[in-house]
Amino acid sequence: MNQHEHLKRIRARCVELLALAEKRTKGEWFHKFNGHYDEVNIQDNEYSPSIAITCPMHERTANAIFIASCAGPAEAGWKATIAAIDALFELGTWFKSPTLDELQSKILAAWPEELL
């Protein structure tokens, strides 16, 4: 796969992840019970089962809070990646520059094929 194809696959994956994020249940992903958080079930989509987190309660709560706190920034990152790739495709037809080459290299490094 060449770099252009790789960027197109990265963009497609970001679009796919944003679409999946829109299908998620709105609101809190866990609920409080007697001062402690109980089970954390995160439904990815209709094809994947709930994620069963098997660790001590205090770690489970911390992990769930961390995962929930990452959702908004992750969506922002996917949107920024799409915008950067779109800009690379648009600007790349007009001129080449070390800055654009560096931007492309950083995007490709952040999204190895295994993530696609």
Protein backbone atom coordinates (compact mmCIF):
# COMPACT_ATOMS: atom_id res chain seq x y z
CA MET A 1 0.00 0.00 0.00
CA ASN A 2 1.44 3.38 -0.96
CA GLN A 3 1.23 6.50 1.20
CA HIS A 4 -1.76 7.96 -0.66
CA GLU A 5 -3.74 4.73 -0.20
CA HIS A 6 -2.69 4.57 3.45
CA LEU A 7 -3.98 8.12 4.03
CA LYS A 8 -7.26 7.24 2.32
CA ARG A 9 -7.66 4.21 4.60
CA ILE A 10 -6.87 6.32 7.68
CA ARG A 11 -9.50 8.86 6.62
CA ALA A 12 -12.05 6.10 6.03
CA ARG A 13 -11.33 4.58 9.45
CA CYS A 14 -11.80 7.97 11.16
CA VAL A 15 -15.14 8.43 9.37
CA GLU A 16 -16.14 4.91 10.46
CA LEU A 17 -15.18 5.59 14.09
CA LEU A 18 -17.15 8.86 14.13
CA ALA A 19 -20.21 7.08 12.76
CA LEU A 20 -19.87 4.41 15.45
CA ALA A 21 -19.49 7.08 18.15
CA GLU A 22 -22.79 8.64 17.09
CA LYS A 23 -24.55 5.31 17.71
CA ARG A 24 -23.31 5.03 21.28
CA THR A 25 -25.68 5.50 24.19
CA LYS A 26 -25.72 9.12 25.28
CA GLY A 27 -25.05 9.99 28.90
CA GLU A 28 -23.13 8.14 31.56
CA TRP A 29 -21.74 4.70 30.78
CA PHE A 30 -21.84 3.54 34.38
CA HIS A 31 -24.01 4.19 37.39
CA LYS A 32 -23.36 4.71 41.04
CA PHE A 33 -24.57 2.21 43.64
CA ASN A 34 -24.09 2.67 47.41
CA GLY A 35 -21.11 4.98 46.90
CA HIS A 36 -19.40 2.55 44.51
CA TYR A 37 -19.63 2.10 40.79
CA ASP A 38 -21.12 -1.20 39.75
CA GLU A 39 -20.65 -3.11 36.50
CA VAL A 40 -19.29 -1.29 33.49
CA ASN A 41 -20.82 -2.47 30.25
CA ILE A 42 -19.83 -0.74 27.05
CA GLN A 43 -21.71 -1.83 23.92
CA ASP A 44 -19.59 -1.25 20.84
CA ASN A 45 -22.23 -2.22 18.31
CA GLU A 46 -24.78 -4.91 17.62
CA TYR A 47 -22.06 -7.34 16.55
CA SER A 48 -19.83 -7.18 19.61
CA PRO A 49 -20.72 -8.23 23.15
CA SER A 50 -20.39 -5.99 26.16
CA ILE A 51 -16.89 -5.55 27.40
CA ALA A 52 -16.49 -7.37 30.71
CA ILE A 53 -13.84 -5.63 32.77
CA THR A 54 -12.26 -8.11 35.14
CA CYS A 55 -10.18 -6.20 37.66
CA PRO A 56 -10.62 -4.91 41.21
CA MET A 57 -13.52 -2.49 41.69
CA HIS A 58 -11.29 0.55 42.31
CA GLU A 59 -9.34 -0.16 39.11
CA ARG A 60 -12.53 -0.85 37.16
CA THR A 61 -13.98 2.50 38.19
CA ALA A 62 -10.78 4.35 37.31
CA ASN A 63 -10.60 2.54 33.96
CA ALA A 64 -14.22 3.33 33.13
CA ILE A 65 -13.78 6.99 34.03
CA PHE A 66 -10.64 7.14 31.88
CA ILE A 67 -12.37 5.49 28.90
CA ALA A 68 -15.35 7.84 29.18
CA SER A 69 -13.06 10.87 29.47
CA CYS A 70 -11.29 9.87 26.24
CA ALA A 71 -14.46 9.75 24.12
CA GLY A 72 -14.75 13.47 23.34
CA PRO A 73 -11.06 14.05 22.67
CA ALA A 74 -10.93 10.93 20.49
CA GLU A 75 -13.78 12.23 18.34
CA ALA A 76 -12.03 15.60 18.07
CA GLY A 77 -8.83 13.81 17.03
CA TRP A 78 -10.64 11.84 14.33
CA LYS A 79 -12.20 15.03 12.98
CA ALA A 80 -8.81 16.80 13.02
CA THR A 81 -7.18 13.85 11.24
CA ILE A 82 -9.85 13.90 8.53
CA ALA A 83 -9.35 17.66 8.08
CA ALA A 84 -5.56 17.29 7.91
CA ILE A 85 -5.78 14.49 5.32
CA ASP A 86 -8.27 16.51 3.26
CA ALA A 87 -5.87 19.47 3.38
CA LEU A 88 -2.95 17.25 2.34
CA PHE A 89 -4.89 15.95 -0.64
CA GLU A 90 -6.00 19.46 -1.65
CA LEU A 91 -2.69 21.25 -1.08
CA GLY A 92 -0.64 18.38 -2.44
CA THR A 93 -2.09 19.05 -5.90
CA TRP A 94 -0.85 22.66 -5.74
CA PHE A 95 2.60 22.49 -4.20
CA LYS A 96 4.97 20.39 -2.15
CA SER A 97 6.66 21.57 1.01
CA PRO A 98 8.70 20.10 3.86
CA THR A 99 5.89 21.08 6.25
CA LEU A 100 3.30 19.07 4.31
CA ASP A 101 5.69 16.13 4.04
CA GLU A 102 6.23 16.25 7.81
CA LEU A 103 2.48 16.41 8.46
CA GLN A 104 1.92 13.41 6.22
CA SER A 105 4.71 11.45 7.92
CA LYS A 106 3.26 12.17 11.37
CA ILE A 107 -0.24 11.06 10.37
CA LEU A 108 1.09 7.86 8.80
CA ALA A 109 3.21 7.12 11.88
CA ALA A 110 0.24 7.67 14.21
CA TRP A 111 -1.95 5.29 12.19
CA PRO A 112 0.01 2.12 11.37
CA GLU A 113 -1.79 -0.43 9.18
CA GLU A 114 -2.63 -2.56 12.25
CA LEU A 115 -5.06 0.16 13.42
CA LEU A 116 -6.93 0.15 10.16
